[in-house]
Amino acid sequence: MNFKKTNAELTTITRNTNDLASKTGNIYESVAVLSKRANQISDLLKDELISKINEFASQNDNLEEVFENREQIEISKFYESLPKPSAISMEELIEDKIYIRKPEEEIPEDPEG
């Protein structure tokens, strides 16, 4: 999933809770789904950011010498300008891009065959 090309809002906007509740049938389930998806997105973005910053890390770290690495600063600024993971997950839910699995509704297999 490319989070850099999402239609998610950069600022906070008011949402109709009925629209969110209609996706799962329950507003609390919708909020739980949004929370879990936002955590997944946050972890993915964090891993990507760390890997890109490590590409430009200096190999000789010295406490007395602190170098300003322009590439790292630009990468960090880019990731800071992206929408928040919660906004991305909300946009995915509204656009029906999230698959919601409910284990309690799955039919257990018969152990006898």
PDB file of N, CA and C in Angstrom:
ATOM      1  N   MET A   1       0.854  -1.179   0.000  1.00  0.00           N
ATOM      2  CA  MET A   1       0.000   0.000   0.000  1.00  0.00           C
ATOM      3  C   MET A   1       0.891   1.229   0.000  1.00  0.00           C
ATOM      4  N   ASN A   2       0.603   2.144  -0.865  1.00  0.00           N
ATOM      5  CA  ASN A   2       1.389   3.363  -0.946  1.00  0.00           C
ATOM      6  C   ASN A   2       0.682   4.456  -0.154  1.00  0.00           C
ATOM      7  N   PHE A   3       1.198   4.732   1.027  1.00  0.00           N
ATOM      8  CA  PHE A   3       0.571   5.709   1.916  1.00  0.00           C
ATOM      9  C   PHE A   3       0.899   7.137   1.511  1.00  0.00           C
ATOM     10  N   LYS A   4       1.863   7.292   0.631  1.00  0.00           N
ATOM     11  CA  LYS A   4       2.253   8.643   0.223  1.00  0.00           C
ATOM     12  C   LYS A   4       1.281   9.239  -0.782  1.00  0.00           C
ATOM     13  N   LYS A   5       0.478   8.392  -1.429  1.00  0.00           N
ATOM     14  CA  LYS A   5      -0.466   8.868  -2.434  1.00  0.00           C
ATOM     15  C   LYS A   5      -1.906   8.642  -1.983  1.00  0.00           C
ATOM     16  N   THR A   6      -2.168   8.857  -0.733  1.00  0.00           N
ATOM     17  CA  THR A   6      -3.505   8.652  -0.187  1.00  0.00           C
ATOM     18  C   THR A   6      -4.323   9.930  -0.269  1.00  0.00           C
ATOM     19  N   ASN A   7      -5.620   9.770  -0.216  1.00  0.00           N
ATOM     20  CA  ASN A   7      -6.520  10.926  -0.232  1.00  0.00           C
ATOM     21  C   ASN A   7      -6.899  11.365   1.174  1.00  0.00           C
ATOM     22  N   ALA A   8      -6.211  10.877   2.174  1.00  0.00           N
ATOM     23  CA  ALA A   8      -6.535  11.196   3.559  1.00  0.00           C
ATOM     24  C   ALA A   8      -6.301  12.674   3.842  1.00  0.00           C
ATOM     25  N   GLU A   9      -7.102  13.190   4.757  1.00  0.00           N
ATOM     26  CA  GLU A   9      -7.008  14.601   5.139  1.00  0.00           C
ATOM     27  C   GLU A   9      -5.740  14.858   5.955  1.00  0.00           C
ATOM     28  N   LEU A  10      -5.132  16.010   5.748  1.00  0.00           N
ATOM     29  CA  LEU A  10      -3.960  16.403   6.522  1.00  0.00           C
ATOM     30  C   LEU A  10      -4.351  17.042   7.844  1.00  0.00           C
ATOM     31  N   THR A  11      -5.575  17.544   7.909  1.00  0.00           N
ATOM     32  CA  THR A  11      -6.056  18.167   9.134  1.00  0.00           C
ATOM     33  C   THR A  11      -7.235  17.376   9.670  1.00  0.00           C
ATOM     34  N   THR A  12      -7.637  17.695  10.867  1.00  0.00           N
ATOM     35  CA  THR A  12      -8.760  17.018  11.490  1.00  0.00           C
ATOM     36  C   THR A  12     -10.065  17.537  10.902  1.00  0.00           C
ATOM     37  N   ILE A  13     -10.930  16.608  10.521  1.00  0.00           N
ATOM     38  CA  ILE A  13     -12.247  16.995  10.033  1.00  0.00           C
ATOM     39  C   ILE A  13     -13.298  16.213  10.804  1.00  0.00           C
ATOM     40  N   THR A  14     -14.499  16.734  10.828  1.00  0.00           N
ATOM     41  CA  THR A  14     -15.596  16.084  11.524  1.00  0.00           C
ATOM     42  C   THR A  14     -16.192  15.004  10.629  1.00  0.00           C
ATOM     43  N   ARG A  15     -16.400  13.837  11.203  1.00  0.00           N
ATOM     44  CA  ARG A  15     -16.984  12.711  10.457  1.00  0.00           C
ATOM     45  C   ARG A  15     -18.347  12.377  11.032  1.00  0.00           C
ATOM     46  N   ASN A  16     -19.206  11.837  10.206  1.00  0.00           N
ATOM     47  CA  ASN A  16     -20.511  11.370  10.644  1.00  0.00           C
ATOM     48  C   ASN A  16     -20.324   9.971  11.233  1.00  0.00           C
ATOM     49  N   THR A  17     -20.648   9.803  12.499  1.00  0.00           N
ATOM     50  CA  THR A  17     -20.442   8.508  13.149  1.00  0.00           C
ATOM     51  C   THR A  17     -21.333   7.429  12.557  1.00  0.00           C
ATOM     52  N   ASN A  18     -22.462   7.813  11.991  1.00  0.00           N
ATOM     53  CA  ASN A  18     -23.329   6.822  11.352  1.00  0.00           C
ATOM     54  C   ASN A  18     -22.665   6.196  10.133  1.00  0.00           C
ATOM     55  N   ASP A  19     -21.876   6.986   9.397  1.00  0.00           N
ATOM     56  CA  ASP A  19     -21.148   6.443   8.255  1.00  0.00           C
ATOM     57  C   ASP A  19     -20.111   5.421   8.702  1.00  0.00           C
ATOM     58  N   LEU A  20     -19.431   5.719   9.810  1.00  0.00           N
ATOM     59  CA  LEU A  20     -18.430   4.788  10.324  1.00  0.00           C
ATOM     60  C   LEU A  20     -19.084   3.527  10.887  1.00  0.00           C
ATOM     61  N   ALA A  21     -20.190   3.696  11.583  1.00  0.00           N
ATOM     62  CA  ALA A  21     -20.880   2.555  12.180  1.00  0.00           C
ATOM     63  C   ALA A  21     -21.477   1.649  11.115  1.00  0.00           C
ATOM     64  N   SER A  22     -21.827   2.201   9.978  1.00  0.00           N
ATOM     65  CA  SER A  22     -22.446   1.388   8.926  1.00  0.00           C
ATOM     66  C   SER A  22     -21.464   0.389   8.315  1.00  0.00           C
ATOM     67  N   LYS A  23     -20.179   0.632   8.453  1.00  0.00           N
ATOM     68  CA  LYS A  23     -19.172  -0.269   7.870  1.00  0.00           C
ATOM     69  C   LYS A  23     -19.105  -1.601   8.609  1.00  0.00           C
ATOM     70  N   THR A  24     -19.311  -1.577   9.927  1.00  0.00           N
ATOM     71  CA  THR A  24     -19.228  -2.810  10.719  1.00  0.00           C
ATOM     72  C   THR A  24     -20.534  -3.149  11.414  1.00  0.00           C
ATOM     73  N   GLY A  25     -21.443  -2.210  11.476  1.00  0.00           N
ATOM     74  CA  GLY A  25     -22.692  -2.427  12.193  1.00  0.00           C
ATOM     75  C   GLY A  25     -22.638  -1.920  13.622  1.00  0.00           C
ATOM     76  N   ASN A  26     -21.468  -1.474  14.050  1.00  0.00           N
ATOM     77  CA  ASN A  26     -21.290  -1.029  15.423  1.00  0.00           C
ATOM     78  C   ASN A  26     -20.171   0.014  15.442  1.00  0.00           C
ATOM     79  N   ILE A  27     -20.419   1.151  16.065  1.00  0.00           N
ATOM     80  CA  ILE A  27     -19.414   2.223  16.100  1.00  0.00           C
ATOM     81  C   ILE A  27     -18.162   1.793  16.862  1.00  0.00           C
ATOM     82  N   TYR A  28     -18.328   0.978  17.898  1.00  0.00           N
ATOM     83  CA  TYR A  28     -17.189   0.540  18.699  1.00  0.00           C
ATOM     84  C   TYR A  28     -16.297  -0.420  17.917  1.00  0.00           C
ATOM     85  N   GLU A  29     -16.914  -1.277  17.113  1.00  0.00           N
ATOM     86  CA  GLU A  29     -16.126  -2.159  16.255  1.00  0.00           C
ATOM     87  C   GLU A  29     -15.384  -1.350  15.204  1.00  0.00           C
ATOM     88  N   SER A  30     -16.038  -0.345  14.675  1.00  0.00           N
ATOM     89  CA  SER A  30     -15.393   0.510  13.678  1.00  0.00           C
ATOM     90  C   SER A  30     -14.181   1.216  14.269  1.00  0.00           C
ATOM     91  N   VAL A  31     -14.324   1.720  15.487  1.00  0.00           N
ATOM     92  CA  VAL A  31     -13.207   2.401  16.148  1.00  0.00           C
ATOM     93  C   VAL A  31     -12.075   1.414  16.427  1.00  0.00           C
ATOM     94  N   ALA A  32     -12.410   0.186  16.821  1.00  0.00           N
ATOM     95  CA  ALA A  32     -11.387  -0.830  17.068  1.00  0.00           C
ATOM     96  C   ALA A  32     -10.646  -1.175  15.775  1.00  0.00           C
ATOM     97  N   VAL A  33     -11.379  -1.302  14.679  1.00  0.00           N
ATOM     98  CA  VAL A  33     -10.769  -1.589  13.379  1.00  0.00           C
ATOM     99  C   VAL A  33      -9.859  -0.439  12.965  1.00  0.00           C
ATOM    100  N   LEU A  34     -10.330   0.789  13.135  1.00  0.00           N
ATOM    101  CA  LEU A  34      -9.520   1.957  12.793  1.00  0.00           C
ATOM    102  C   LEU A  34      -8.246   1.999  13.622  1.00  0.00           C
ATOM    103  N   SER A  35      -8.358   1.685  14.889  1.00  0.00           N
ATOM    104  CA  SER A  35      -7.199   1.707  15.782  1.00  0.00           C
ATOM    105  C   SER A  35      -6.162   0.667  15.366  1.00  0.00           C
ATOM    106  N   LYS A  36      -6.620  -0.538  15.086  1.00  0.00           N
ATOM    107  CA  LYS A  36      -5.685  -1.596  14.685  1.00  0.00           C
ATOM    108  C   LYS A  36      -5.022  -1.273  13.360  1.00  0.00           C
ATOM    109  N   ARG A  37      -5.788  -0.753  12.419  1.00  0.00           N
ATOM    110  CA  ARG A  37      -5.215  -0.412  11.112  1.00  0.00           C
ATOM    111  C   ARG A  37      -4.252   0.767  11.233  1.00  0.00           C
ATOM    112  N   ALA A  38      -4.571   1.738  12.069  1.00  0.00           N
ATOM    113  CA  ALA A  38      -3.671   2.880  12.272  1.00  0.00           C
ATOM    114  C   ALA A  38      -2.349   2.414  12.883  1.00  0.00           C
ATOM    115  N   ASN A  39      -2.410   1.449  13.798  1.00  0.00           N
ATOM    116  CA  ASN A  39      -1.177   0.899  14.373  1.00  0.00           C
ATOM    117  C   ASN A  39      -0.350   0.179  13.312  1.00  0.00           C
ATOM    118  N   GLN A  40      -1.003  -0.562  12.416  1.00  0.00           N
ATOM    119  CA  GLN A  40      -0.292  -1.240  11.335  1.00  0.00           C
ATOM    120  C   GLN A  40       0.391  -0.225  10.422  1.00  0.00           C
ATOM    121  N   ILE A  41      -0.336   0.802  10.053  1.00  0.00           N
ATOM    122  CA  ILE A  41       0.212   1.837   9.170  1.00  0.00           C
ATOM    123  C   ILE A  41       1.380   2.546   9.847  1.00  0.00           C
ATOM    124  N   SER A  42       1.219   2.850  11.111  1.00  0.00           N
ATOM    125  CA  SER A  42       2.278   3.526  11.866  1.00  0.00           C
ATOM    126  C   SER A  42       3.544   2.678  11.903  1.00  0.00           C
ATOM    127  N   ASP A  43       3.392   1.389  12.142  1.00  0.00           N
ATOM    128  CA  ASP A  43       4.553   0.501  12.171  1.00  0.00           C
ATOM    129  C   ASP A  43       5.237   0.430  10.809  1.00  0.00           C
ATOM    130  N   LEU A  44       4.440   0.345   9.747  1.00  0.00           N
ATOM    131  CA  LEU A  44       5.015   0.288   8.396  1.00  0.00           C
ATOM    132  C   LEU A  44       5.765   1.573   8.053  1.00  0.00           C
ATOM    133  N   LEU A  45       5.160   2.712   8.367  1.00  0.00           N
ATOM    134  CA  LEU A  45       5.814   3.993   8.093  1.00  0.00           C
ATOM    135  C   LEU A  45       7.082   4.163   8.922  1.00  0.00           C
ATOM    136  N   LYS A  46       7.032   3.728  10.166  1.00  0.00           N
ATOM    137  CA  LYS A  46       8.195   3.842  11.045  1.00  0.00           C
ATOM    138  C   LYS A  46       9.349   2.988  10.521  1.00  0.00           C
ATOM    139  N   ASP A  47       9.052   1.749  10.124  1.00  0.00           N
ATOM    140  CA  ASP A  47      10.097   0.877   9.589  1.00  0.00           C
ATOM    141  C   ASP A  47      10.698   1.451   8.312  1.00  0.00           C
ATOM    142  N   GLU A  48       9.849   1.992   7.441  1.00  0.00           N
ATOM    143  CA  GLU A  48      10.324   2.587   6.199  1.00  0.00           C
ATOM    144  C   GLU A  48      11.188   3.815   6.470  1.00  0.00           C
ATOM    145  N   LEU A  49      10.746   4.652   7.399  1.00  0.00           N
ATOM    146  CA  LEU A  49      11.499   5.858   7.745  1.00  0.00           C
ATOM    147  C   LEU A  49      12.866   5.501   8.322  1.00  0.00           C
ATOM    148  N   ILE A  50      12.894   4.554   9.234  1.00  0.00           N
ATOM    149  CA  ILE A  50      14.163   4.165   9.860  1.00  0.00           C
ATOM    150  C   ILE A  50      15.126   3.591   8.821  1.00  0.00           C
ATOM    151  N   SER A  51      14.610   2.767   7.904  1.00  0.00           N
ATOM    152  CA  SER A  51      15.499   2.191   6.887  1.00  0.00           C
ATOM    153  C   SER A  51      16.059   3.277   5.971  1.00  0.00           C
ATOM    154  N   LYS A  52      15.243   4.276   5.615  1.00  0.00           N
ATOM    155  CA  LYS A  52      15.732   5.343   4.745  1.00  0.00           C
ATOM    156  C   LYS A  52      16.720   6.253   5.468  1.00  0.00           C
ATOM    157  N   ILE A  53      16.468   6.523   6.742  1.00  0.00           N
ATOM    158  CA  ILE A  53      17.391   7.373   7.497  1.00  0.00           C
ATOM    159  C   ILE A  53      18.718   6.663   7.710  1.00  0.00           C
ATOM    160  N   ASN A  54      18.667   5.350   7.928  1.00  0.00           N
ATOM    161  CA  ASN A  54      19.902   4.590   8.142  1.00  0.00           C
ATOM    162  C   ASN A  54      20.775   4.548   6.890  1.00  0.00           C
ATOM    163  N   GLU A  55      20.198   4.732   5.717  1.00  0.00           N
ATOM    164  CA  GLU A  55      20.992   4.779   4.493  1.00  0.00           C
ATOM    165  C   GLU A  55      21.966   5.954   4.507  1.00  0.00           C
ATOM    166  N   PHE A  56      21.566   7.036   5.164  1.00  0.00           N
ATOM    167  CA  PHE A  56      22.392   8.246   5.184  1.00  0.00           C
ATOM    168  C   PHE A  56      23.108   8.457   6.518  1.00  0.00           C
ATOM    169  N   ALA A  57      23.059   7.475   7.394  1.00  0.00           N
ATOM    170  CA  ALA A  57      23.693   7.627   8.706  1.00  0.00           C
ATOM    171  C   ALA A  57      25.211   7.608   8.560  1.00  0.00           C
ATOM    172  N   SER A  58      25.852   8.418   9.361  1.00  0.00           N
ATOM    173  CA  SER A  58      27.319   8.430   9.348  1.00  0.00           C
ATOM    174  C   SER A  58      27.834   7.263  10.171  1.00  0.00           C
ATOM    175  N   GLN A  59      28.923   6.679   9.724  1.00  0.00           N
ATOM    176  CA  GLN A  59      29.442   5.479  10.366  1.00  0.00           C
ATOM    177  C   GLN A  59      30.290   5.787  11.600  1.00  0.00           C
ATOM    178  N   ASN A  60      30.845   6.963  11.664  1.00  0.00           N
ATOM    179  CA  ASN A  60      31.685   7.313  12.807  1.00  0.00           C
ATOM    180  C   ASN A  60      30.957   8.353  13.656  1.00  0.00           C
ATOM    181  N   ASP A  61      30.284   7.846  14.677  1.00  0.00           N
ATOM    182  CA  ASP A  61      29.566   8.731  15.593  1.00  0.00           C
ATOM    183  C   ASP A  61      30.524   9.213  16.668  1.00  0.00           C
ATOM    184  N   ASN A  62      30.525  10.501  16.863  1.00  0.00           N
ATOM    185  CA  ASN A  62      31.387  11.114  17.854  1.00  0.00           C
ATOM    186  C   ASN A  62      30.557  12.085  18.666  1.00  0.00           C
ATOM    187  N   LEU A  63      30.660  12.037  19.967  1.00  0.00           N
ATOM    188  CA  LEU A  63      29.875  12.932  20.798  1.00  0.00           C
ATOM    189  C   LEU A  63      30.281  14.389  20.617  1.00  0.00           C
ATOM    190  N   GLU A  64      31.564  14.631  20.320  1.00  0.00           N
ATOM    191  CA  GLU A  64      32.009  16.004  20.162  1.00  0.00           C
ATOM    192  C   GLU A  64      31.643  16.578  18.802  1.00  0.00           C
ATOM    193  N   GLU A  65      31.504  15.714  17.814  1.00  0.00           N
ATOM    194  CA  GLU A  65      31.225  16.177  16.468  1.00  0.00           C
ATOM    195  C   GLU A  65      29.801  15.775  16.073  1.00  0.00           C
ATOM    196  N   VAL A  66      28.963  16.752  15.908  1.00  0.00           N
ATOM    197  CA  VAL A  66      27.598  16.495  15.473  1.00  0.00           C
ATOM    198  C   VAL A  66      27.440  17.119  14.086  1.00  0.00           C
ATOM    199  N   PHE A  67      27.187  16.268  13.117  1.00  0.00           N
ATOM    200  CA  PHE A  67      27.030  16.751  11.751  1.00  0.00           C
ATOM    201  C   PHE A  67      25.555  16.832  11.408  1.00  0.00           C
ATOM    202  N   GLU A  68      25.230  17.853  10.678  1.00  0.00           N
ATOM    203  CA  GLU A  68      23.861  18.013  10.218  1.00  0.00           C
ATOM    204  C   GLU A  68      23.748  17.329   8.866  1.00  0.00           C
ATOM    205  N   ASN A  69      22.961  16.275   8.830  1.00  0.00           N
ATOM    206  CA  ASN A  69      22.815  15.509   7.608  1.00  0.00           C
ATOM    207  C   ASN A  69      21.556  15.977   6.879  1.00  0.00           C
ATOM    208  N   ARG A  70      21.728  16.677   5.788  1.00  0.00           N
ATOM    209  CA  ARG A  70      20.615  17.268   5.039  1.00  0.00           C
ATOM    210  C   ARG A  70      19.648  16.211   4.513  1.00  0.00           C
ATOM    211  N   GLU A  71      20.187  15.088   4.046  1.00  0.00           N
ATOM    212  CA  GLU A  71      19.318  14.043   3.503  1.00  0.00           C
ATOM    213  C   GLU A  71      18.374  13.505   4.567  1.00  0.00           C
ATOM    214  N   GLN A  72      18.894  13.268   5.760  1.00  0.00           N
ATOM    215  CA  GLN A  72      18.063  12.766   6.853  1.00  0.00           C
ATOM    216  C   GLN A  72      16.993  13.781   7.240  1.00  0.00           C
ATOM    217  N   ILE A  73      17.357  15.041   7.244  1.00  0.00           N
ATOM    218  CA  ILE A  73      16.400  16.095   7.596  1.00  0.00           C
ATOM    219  C   ILE A  73      15.294  16.168   6.559  1.00  0.00           C
ATOM    220  N   GLU A  74      15.632  16.085   5.285  1.00  0.00           N
ATOM    221  CA  GLU A  74      14.622  16.144   4.225  1.00  0.00           C
ATOM    222  C   GLU A  74      13.689  14.934   4.278  1.00  0.00           C
ATOM    223  N   ILE A  75      14.248  13.764   4.531  1.00  0.00           N
ATOM    224  CA  ILE A  75      13.417  12.556   4.652  1.00  0.00           C
ATOM    225  C   ILE A  75      12.471  12.695   5.833  1.00  0.00           C
ATOM    226  N   SER A  76      12.972  13.175   6.954  1.00  0.00           N
ATOM    227  CA  SER A  76      12.130  13.344   8.138  1.00  0.00           C
ATOM    228  C   SER A  76      11.017  14.350   7.897  1.00  0.00           C
ATOM    229  N   LYS A  77      11.333  15.438   7.236  1.00  0.00           N
ATOM    230  CA  LYS A  77      10.313  16.457   6.934  1.00  0.00           C
ATOM    231  C   LYS A  77       9.231  15.892   6.018  1.00  0.00           C
ATOM    232  N   PHE A  78       9.636  15.065   5.057  1.00  0.00           N
ATOM    233  CA  PHE A  78       8.659  14.472   4.151  1.00  0.00           C
ATOM    234  C   PHE A  78       7.690  13.578   4.924  1.00  0.00           C
ATOM    235  N   TYR A  79       8.217  12.732   5.800  1.00  0.00           N
ATOM    236  CA  TYR A  79       7.356  11.830   6.563  1.00  0.00           C
ATOM    237  C   TYR A  79       6.487  12.582   7.568  1.00  0.00           C
ATOM    238  N   GLU A  80       6.979  13.703   8.080  1.00  0.00           N
ATOM    239  CA  GLU A  80       6.173  14.512   8.986  1.00  0.00           C
ATOM    240  C   GLU A  80       5.017  15.179   8.251  1.00  0.00           C
ATOM    241  N   SER A  81       5.170  15.423   6.961  1.00  0.00           N
ATOM    242  CA  SER A  81       4.116  16.093   6.196  1.00  0.00           C
ATOM    243  C   SER A  81       3.018  15.128   5.735  1.00  0.00           C
ATOM    244  N   LEU A  82       3.239  13.829   5.873  1.00  0.00           N
ATOM    245  CA  LEU A  82       2.216  12.853   5.484  1.00  0.00           C
ATOM    246  C   LEU A  82       1.031  12.910   6.444  1.00  0.00           C
ATOM    247  N   PRO A  83      -0.143  12.468   5.994  1.00  0.00           N
ATOM    248  CA  PRO A  83      -1.293  12.408   6.915  1.00  0.00           C
ATOM    249  C   PRO A  83      -1.012  11.437   8.062  1.00  0.00           C
ATOM    250  N   LYS A  84      -1.664  11.664   9.159  1.00  0.00           N
ATOM    251  CA  LYS A  84      -1.504  10.794  10.325  1.00  0.00           C
ATOM    252  C   LYS A  84      -2.047   9.405  10.003  1.00  0.00           C
ATOM    253  N   PRO A  85      -1.494   8.355  10.618  1.00  0.00           N
ATOM    254  CA  PRO A  85      -1.982   6.998  10.376  1.00  0.00           C
ATOM    255  C   PRO A  85      -3.469   6.829  10.671  1.00  0.00           C
ATOM    256  N   SER A  86      -3.983   7.545  11.659  1.00  0.00           N
ATOM    257  CA  SER A  86      -5.414   7.443  11.959  1.00  0.00           C
ATOM    258  C   SER A  86      -6.256   8.022  10.824  1.00  0.00           C
ATOM    259  N   ALA A  87      -5.784   9.095  10.195  1.00  0.00           N
ATOM    260  CA  ALA A  87      -6.510   9.684   9.066  1.00  0.00           C
ATOM    261  C   ALA A  87      -6.455   8.759   7.849  1.00  0.00           C
ATOM    262  N   ILE A  88      -5.317   8.109   7.650  1.00  0.00           N
ATOM    263  CA  ILE A  88      -5.188   7.172   6.535  1.00  0.00           C
ATOM    264  C   ILE A  88      -6.110   5.981   6.744  1.00  0.00           C
ATOM    265  N   SER A  89      -6.148   5.452   7.973  1.00  0.00           N
ATOM    266  CA  SER A  89      -7.011   4.298   8.237  1.00  0.00           C
ATOM    267  C   SER A  89      -8.486   4.676   8.097  1.00  0.00           C
ATOM    268  N   MET A  90      -8.852   5.874   8.496  1.00  0.00           N
ATOM    269  CA  MET A  90     -10.242   6.310   8.354  1.00  0.00           C
ATOM    270  C   MET A  90     -10.612   6.431   6.878  1.00  0.00           C
ATOM    271  N   GLU A  91      -9.723   6.961   6.074  1.00  0.00           N
ATOM    272  CA  GLU A  91      -9.975   7.077   4.643  1.00  0.00           C
ATOM    273  C   GLU A  91     -10.095   5.692   4.005  1.00  0.00           C
ATOM    274  N   GLU A  92      -9.265   4.751   4.442  1.00  0.00           N
ATOM    275  CA  GLU A  92      -9.353   3.389   3.924  1.00  0.00           C
ATOM    276  C   GLU A  92     -10.683   2.745   4.294  1.00  0.00           C
ATOM    277  N   LEU A  93     -11.156   2.981   5.507  1.00  0.00           N
ATOM    278  CA  LEU A  93     -12.433   2.413   5.932  1.00  0.00           C
ATOM    279  C   LEU A  93     -13.581   3.002   5.115  1.00  0.00           C
ATOM    280  N   ILE A  94     -13.547   4.289   4.900  1.00  0.00           N
ATOM    281  CA  ILE A  94     -14.612   4.955   4.138  1.00  0.00           C
ATOM    282  C   ILE A  94     -14.617   4.472   2.683  1.00  0.00           C
ATOM    283  N   GLU A  95     -13.429   4.244   2.121  1.00  0.00           N
ATOM    284  CA  GLU A  95     -13.329   3.795   0.730  1.00  0.00           C
ATOM    285  C   GLU A  95     -13.426   2.272   0.601  1.00  0.00           C
ATOM    286  N   ASP A  96     -13.749   1.579   1.671  1.00  0.00           N
ATOM    287  CA  ASP A  96     -13.877   0.112   1.698  1.00  0.00           C
ATOM    288  C   ASP A  96     -12.605  -0.592   1.243  1.00  0.00           C
ATOM    289  N   LYS A  97     -11.470  -0.098   1.682  1.00  0.00           N
ATOM    290  CA  LYS A  97     -10.194  -0.715   1.351  1.00  0.00           C
ATOM    291  C   LYS A  97      -9.675  -1.590   2.495  1.00  0.00           C
ATOM    292  N   ILE A  98     -10.420  -1.669   3.581  1.00  0.00           N
ATOM    293  CA  ILE A  98     -10.027  -2.487   4.730  1.00  0.00           C
ATOM    294  C   ILE A  98     -10.871  -3.745   4.744  1.00  0.00           C
ATOM    295  N   TYR A  99     -10.205  -4.877   4.828  1.00  0.00           N
ATOM    296  CA  TYR A  99     -10.906  -6.143   4.975  1.00  0.00           C
ATOM    297  C   TYR A  99     -11.088  -6.394   6.462  1.00  0.00           C
ATOM    298  N   ILE A 100     -12.327  -6.548   6.888  1.00  0.00           N
ATOM    299  CA  ILE A 100     -12.629  -6.752   8.302  1.00  0.00           C
ATOM    300  C   ILE A 100     -12.993  -8.212   8.508  1.00  0.00           C
ATOM    301  N   ARG A 101     -12.171  -8.904   9.275  1.00  0.00           N
ATOM    302  CA  ARG A 101     -12.409 -10.313   9.561  1.00  0.00           C
ATOM    303  C   ARG A 101     -12.956 -10.431  10.968  1.00  0.00           C
ATOM    304  N   LYS A 102     -14.049 -11.149  11.108  1.00  0.00           N
ATOM    305  CA  LYS A 102     -14.661 -11.353  12.416  1.00  0.00           C
ATOM    306  C   LYS A 102     -14.545 -12.834  12.763  1.00  0.00           C
ATOM    307  N   PRO A 103     -13.614 -13.196  13.631  1.00  0.00           N
ATOM    308  CA  PRO A 103     -13.392 -14.612  13.939  1.00  0.00           C
ATOM    309  C   PRO A 103     -14.615 -15.294  14.559  1.00  0.00           C
ATOM    310  N   GLU A 104     -15.439 -14.559  15.299  1.00  0.00           N
ATOM    311  CA  GLU A 104     -16.604 -15.174  15.932  1.00  0.00           C
ATOM    312  C   GLU A 104     -17.650 -15.587  14.916  1.00  0.00           C
ATOM    313  N   GLU A 105     -17.607 -15.031  13.722  1.00  0.00           N
ATOM    314  CA  GLU A 105     -18.574 -15.383  12.686  1.00  0.00           C
ATOM    315  C   GLU A 105     -18.080 -16.509  11.773  1.00  0.00           C
ATOM    316  N   GLU A 106     -16.801 -16.855  11.884  1.00  0.00           N
ATOM    317  CA  GLU A 106     -16.269 -17.926  11.060  1.00  0.00           C
ATOM    318  C   GLU A 106     -16.797 -19.253  11.573  1.00  0.00           C
ATOM    319  N   ILE A 107     -17.088 -20.145  10.664  1.00  0.00           N
ATOM    320  CA  ILE A 107     -17.620 -21.464  11.025  1.00  0.00           C
ATOM    321  C   ILE A 107     -16.453 -22.369  11.361  1.00  0.00           C
ATOM    322  N   PRO A 108     -16.419 -22.900  12.594  1.00  0.00           N
ATOM    323  CA  PRO A 108     -15.321 -23.803  12.939  1.00  0.00           C
ATOM    324  C   PRO A 108     -15.458 -25.129  12.188  1.00  0.00           C
ATOM    325  N   GLU A 109     -14.308 -25.683  11.847  1.00  0.00           N
ATOM    326  CA  GLU A 109     -14.333 -26.956  11.137  1.00  0.00           C
ATOM    327  C   GLU A 109     -14.730 -28.080  12.083  1.00  0.00           C
ATOM    328  N   ASP A 110     -15.436 -29.057  11.578  1.00  0.00           N
ATOM    329  CA  ASP A 110     -15.870 -30.200  12.366  1.00  0.00           C
ATOM    330  C   ASP A 110     -14.670 -31.132  12.557  1.00  0.00           C
ATOM    331  N   PRO A 111     -14.214 -31.364  13.815  1.00  0.00           N
ATOM    332  CA  PRO A 111     -13.029 -32.196  14.037  1.00  0.00           C
ATOM    333  C   PRO A 111     -13.266 -33.651  13.659  1.00  0.00           C
ATOM    334  N   GLU A 112     -14.529 -34.086  13.542  1.00  0.00           N
ATOM    335  CA  GLU A 112     -14.836 -35.484  13.244  1.00  0.00           C
ATOM    336  C   GLU A 112     -14.864 -35.739  11.742  1.00  0.00           C
ATOM    337  N   GLY A 113     -14.812 -34.672  10.962  1.00  0.00           N
ATOM    338  CA  GLY A 113     -14.679 -34.940   9.602  1.00  0.00           C
ATOM    339  C   GLY A 113     -15.572 -34.455   8.602  1.00  0.00           C
TER     340      GLY A 113
END
